[in-house]
Amino acid sequence: MQKLIFSVLVSCLLSLASFPSGAGKLVHTPYAEPKVVFDFYFDDPRHISSALYWVRSYMNPLMEAPYDMAPEFMDIVVVIHGTEIVTLAKANQQKYAEAVGRMKYYASLGVKFRVCGLAAADYGY
C-alpha cells in the first residue's frame, strides 16, 4: 500500500514538473477609437450620481497608459430618459449641483448628454 501511495505521489510530482514554468505574455489590445452609449433610466434622480461613475470608469483606463487615448477621440453619448431628467432642470440645479458639475466636466471632455424628448414631455419639460 505504501509503495502504491509513493508511486502515485511521484507521478503527481512528475506531472506537475512537466507544466511550462514561464509566465504568460502581456498583450495590449490595439483598440480603435471607442464608441459607446450609456442609457440612463433610474427610478430615483439621485442615482445619476452613481451612474456618472460608469462614465468615469470607462474613460479613465483608456486615457492612461498603455492606451493614452485623448478624450476627444472617444465618442461617448449619455441618453437620459428616467426620473433623473429633473437633475437637469434649472430649478433643481442647486439640489443636484454635484451631479450637474460632473456632467459639465464630462461634457468638457467631449461626452454628449442627450435627453429623450418623449420622457422630457412626460415629466413636463
C-alpha atoms as a PDB file:
ATOM      1  CA  MET A   1       0.000   0.000   0.000  1.00  0.00           C
ATOM      2  CA  GLN A   2       2.810   2.416   0.897  1.00  0.00           C
ATOM      3  CA  LYS A   3       4.511   1.605  -2.384  1.00  0.00           C
ATOM      4  CA  LEU A   4       1.307   2.478  -4.265  1.00  0.00           C
ATOM      5  CA  ILE A   5       0.920   5.792  -2.418  1.00  0.00           C
ATOM      6  CA  PHE A   6       4.578   6.623  -3.063  1.00  0.00           C
ATOM      7  CA  SER A   7       4.165   5.749  -6.744  1.00  0.00           C
ATOM      8  CA  VAL A   8       1.078   7.994  -7.088  1.00  0.00           C
ATOM      9  CA  LEU A   9       2.854  10.830  -5.286  1.00  0.00           C
ATOM     10  CA  VAL A  10       5.889  10.581  -7.553  1.00  0.00           C
ATOM     11  CA  SER A  11       3.623  10.503 -10.614  1.00  0.00           C
ATOM     12  CA  CYS A  12       1.831  13.634  -9.438  1.00  0.00           C
ATOM     13  CA  LEU A  13       5.081  15.471  -8.798  1.00  0.00           C
ATOM     14  CA  LEU A  14       6.477  14.482 -12.179  1.00  0.00           C
ATOM     15  CA  SER A  15       3.330  15.619 -13.953  1.00  0.00           C
ATOM     16  CA  LEU A  16       3.492  18.995 -12.183  1.00  0.00           C
ATOM     17  CA  ALA A  17       7.125  19.368 -13.185  1.00  0.00           C
ATOM     18  CA  SER A  18       6.189  18.879 -16.835  1.00  0.00           C
ATOM     19  CA  PHE A  19       3.992  22.032 -16.932  1.00  0.00           C
ATOM     20  CA  PRO A  20       5.630  25.075 -18.504  1.00  0.00           C
ATOM     21  CA  SER A  21       7.064  27.328 -15.840  1.00  0.00           C
ATOM     22  CA  GLY A  22       7.185  30.505 -17.941  1.00  0.00           C
ATOM     23  CA  ALA A  23       4.814  33.376 -17.260  1.00  0.00           C
ATOM     24  CA  GLY A  24       2.082  34.390 -19.648  1.00  0.00           C
ATOM     25  CA  LYS A  25       2.615  37.040 -22.297  1.00  0.00           C
ATOM     26  CA  LEU A  26       1.222  40.540 -21.681  1.00  0.00           C
ATOM     27  CA  VAL A  27      -0.697  41.779 -24.711  1.00  0.00           C
ATOM     28  CA  HIS A  28      -2.108  45.285 -25.070  1.00  0.00           C
ATOM     29  CA  THR A  29      -5.063  45.092 -27.413  1.00  0.00           C
ATOM     30  CA  PRO A  30      -4.834  47.814 -30.073  1.00  0.00           C
ATOM     31  CA  TYR A  31      -8.205  49.480 -29.582  1.00  0.00           C
ATOM     32  CA  ALA A  32      -9.838  51.618 -32.247  1.00  0.00           C
ATOM     33  CA  GLU A  33     -11.468  54.880 -31.251  1.00  0.00           C
ATOM     34  CA  PRO A  34     -14.234  53.802 -28.863  1.00  0.00           C
ATOM     35  CA  LYS A  35     -17.917  54.489 -29.360  1.00  0.00           C
ATOM     36  CA  VAL A  36     -20.355  53.896 -26.521  1.00  0.00           C
ATOM     37  CA  VAL A  37     -23.877  54.857 -25.462  1.00  0.00           C
ATOM     38  CA  PHE A  38     -24.846  54.913 -21.793  1.00  0.00           C
ATOM     39  CA  ASP A  39     -28.600  54.636 -21.312  1.00  0.00           C
ATOM     40  CA  PHE A  40     -29.759  56.219 -18.033  1.00  0.00           C
ATOM     41  CA  TYR A  41     -33.212  55.332 -16.769  1.00  0.00           C
ATOM     42  CA  PHE A  42     -33.494  55.479 -12.981  1.00  0.00           C
ATOM     43  CA  ASP A  43     -36.356  55.297 -10.515  1.00  0.00           C
ATOM     44  CA  ASP A  44     -34.713  57.974  -8.343  1.00  0.00           C
ATOM     45  CA  PRO A  45     -32.951  61.097  -9.676  1.00  0.00           C
ATOM     46  CA  ARG A  46     -30.163  60.718  -7.100  1.00  0.00           C
ATOM     47  CA  HIS A  47     -28.968  57.569  -8.875  1.00  0.00           C
ATOM     48  CA  ILE A  48     -27.482  59.677 -11.650  1.00  0.00           C
ATOM     49  CA  SER A  49     -24.527  60.434  -9.365  1.00  0.00           C
ATOM     50  CA  SER A  50     -23.610  56.753  -9.152  1.00  0.00           C
ATOM     51  CA  ALA A  51     -24.168  56.254 -12.871  1.00  0.00           C
ATOM     52  CA  LEU A  52     -21.735  59.027 -13.738  1.00  0.00           C
ATOM     53  CA  TYR A  53     -19.019  56.848 -12.217  1.00  0.00           C
ATOM     54  CA  TRP A  54     -19.714  54.378 -15.048  1.00  0.00           C
ATOM     55  CA  VAL A  55     -18.648  57.071 -17.498  1.00  0.00           C
ATOM     56  CA  ARG A  56     -15.504  57.737 -15.480  1.00  0.00           C
ATOM     57  CA  SER A  57     -14.647  54.043 -15.132  1.00  0.00           C
ATOM     58  CA  TYR A  58     -14.992  53.669 -18.881  1.00  0.00           C
ATOM     59  CA  MET A  59     -12.855  56.688 -19.790  1.00  0.00           C
ATOM     60  CA  ASN A  60     -10.060  56.604 -17.213  1.00  0.00           C
ATOM     61  CA  PRO A  61      -8.412  53.299 -18.201  1.00  0.00           C
ATOM     62  CA  LEU A  62      -8.372  54.369 -21.856  1.00  0.00           C
ATOM     63  CA  MET A  63      -6.837  57.756 -21.001  1.00  0.00           C
ATOM     64  CA  GLU A  64      -4.000  56.137 -19.023  1.00  0.00           C
ATOM     65  CA  ALA A  65      -1.047  54.019 -20.138  1.00  0.00           C
ATOM     66  CA  PRO A  66      -0.718  51.916 -22.166  1.00  0.00           C
ATOM     67  CA  TYR A  67      -3.536  53.392 -24.308  1.00  0.00           C
ATOM     68  CA  ASP A  68      -3.058  57.140 -23.594  1.00  0.00           C
ATOM     69  CA  MET A  69      -6.182  57.942 -25.596  1.00  0.00           C
ATOM     70  CA  ALA A  70      -7.280  61.577 -25.665  1.00  0.00           C
ATOM     71  CA  PRO A  71     -10.929  62.048 -24.639  1.00  0.00           C
ATOM     72  CA  GLU A  72     -11.760  63.896 -27.851  1.00  0.00           C
ATOM     73  CA  PHE A  73     -11.162  60.620 -29.725  1.00  0.00           C
ATOM     74  CA  MET A  74     -13.846  58.837 -27.686  1.00  0.00           C
ATOM     75  CA  ASP A  75     -17.395  59.041 -28.978  1.00  0.00           C
ATOM     76  CA  ILE A  76     -19.464  58.820 -25.773  1.00  0.00           C
ATOM     77  CA  VAL A  77     -23.165  59.635 -25.541  1.00  0.00           C
ATOM     78  CA  VAL A  78     -25.315  59.521 -22.404  1.00  0.00           C
ATOM     79  CA  VAL A  79     -29.054  59.258 -23.057  1.00  0.00           C
ATOM     80  CA  ILE A  80     -31.206  60.413 -20.152  1.00  0.00           C
ATOM     81  CA  HIS A  81     -34.859  59.398 -20.005  1.00  0.00           C
ATOM     82  CA  GLY A  82     -35.780  58.430 -16.440  1.00  0.00           C
ATOM     83  CA  THR A  83     -36.548  60.372 -13.302  1.00  0.00           C
ATOM     84  CA  GLU A  84     -33.002  61.749 -13.456  1.00  0.00           C
ATOM     85  CA  ILE A  85     -34.268  64.282 -16.007  1.00  0.00           C
ATOM     86  CA  VAL A  86     -35.166  66.538 -13.073  1.00  0.00           C
ATOM     87  CA  THR A  87     -31.450  66.946 -12.279  1.00  0.00           C
ATOM     88  CA  LEU A  88     -31.092  68.983 -15.466  1.00  0.00           C
ATOM     89  CA  ALA A  89     -33.885  71.463 -14.744  1.00  0.00           C
ATOM     90  CA  LYS A  90     -32.598  74.919 -13.797  1.00  0.00           C
ATOM     91  CA  ALA A  91     -34.899  74.910 -10.789  1.00  0.00           C
ATOM     92  CA  ASN A  92     -33.101  71.798  -9.452  1.00  0.00           C
ATOM     93  CA  GLN A  93     -29.504  72.704 -10.277  1.00  0.00           C
ATOM     94  CA  GLN A  94     -28.711  73.647  -6.684  1.00  0.00           C
ATOM     95  CA  LYS A  95     -30.185  70.414  -5.327  1.00  0.00           C
ATOM     96  CA  TYR A  96     -28.180  68.294  -7.793  1.00  0.00           C
ATOM     97  CA  ALA A  97     -25.147  70.594  -8.045  1.00  0.00           C
ATOM     98  CA  GLU A  98     -22.605  67.786  -7.679  1.00  0.00           C
ATOM     99  CA  ALA A  99     -24.117  65.696 -10.477  1.00  0.00           C
ATOM    100  CA  VAL A 100     -24.562  68.739 -12.719  1.00  0.00           C
ATOM    101  CA  GLY A 101     -20.957  69.755 -12.100  1.00  0.00           C
ATOM    102  CA  ARG A 102     -19.719  66.303 -13.028  1.00  0.00           C
ATOM    103  CA  MET A 103     -21.861  66.301 -16.179  1.00  0.00           C
ATOM    104  CA  LYS A 104     -20.354  69.678 -17.141  1.00  0.00           C
ATOM    105  CA  TYR A 105     -16.868  68.253 -16.563  1.00  0.00           C
ATOM    106  CA  TYR A 106     -17.566  65.214 -18.752  1.00  0.00           C
ATOM    107  CA  ALA A 107     -19.156  67.458 -21.375  1.00  0.00           C
ATOM    108  CA  SER A 108     -15.913  69.494 -21.426  1.00  0.00           C
ATOM    109  CA  LEU A 109     -14.114  66.223 -22.258  1.00  0.00           C
ATOM    110  CA  GLY A 110     -16.459  65.636 -25.205  1.00  0.00           C
ATOM    111  CA  VAL A 111     -19.149  63.431 -23.639  1.00  0.00           C
ATOM    112  CA  LYS A 112     -22.513  64.251 -25.188  1.00  0.00           C
ATOM    113  CA  PHE A 113     -25.580  64.272 -22.943  1.00  0.00           C
ATOM    114  CA  ARG A 114     -28.945  63.817 -24.650  1.00  0.00           C
ATOM    115  CA  VAL A 115     -32.404  63.952 -23.124  1.00  0.00           C
ATOM    116  CA  CYS A 116     -35.168  61.826 -24.583  1.00  0.00           C
ATOM    117  CA  GLY A 117     -37.860  64.186 -25.893  1.00  0.00           C
ATOM    118  CA  LEU A 118     -40.722  61.826 -25.043  1.00  0.00           C
ATOM    119  CA  ALA A 119     -39.508  61.395 -21.473  1.00  0.00           C
ATOM    120  CA  ALA A 120     -38.987  65.142 -21.089  1.00  0.00           C
ATOM    121  CA  ALA A 121     -42.587  65.710 -22.198  1.00  0.00           C
ATOM    122  CA  ASP A 122     -43.801  63.046 -19.761  1.00  0.00           C
ATOM    123  CA  TYR A 123     -42.077  64.926 -16.928  1.00  0.00           C
ATOM    124  CA  GLY A 124     -43.469  68.262 -18.084  1.00  0.00           C
ATOM    125  CA  TYR A 125     -40.310  69.775 -19.573  1.00  0.00           C
END
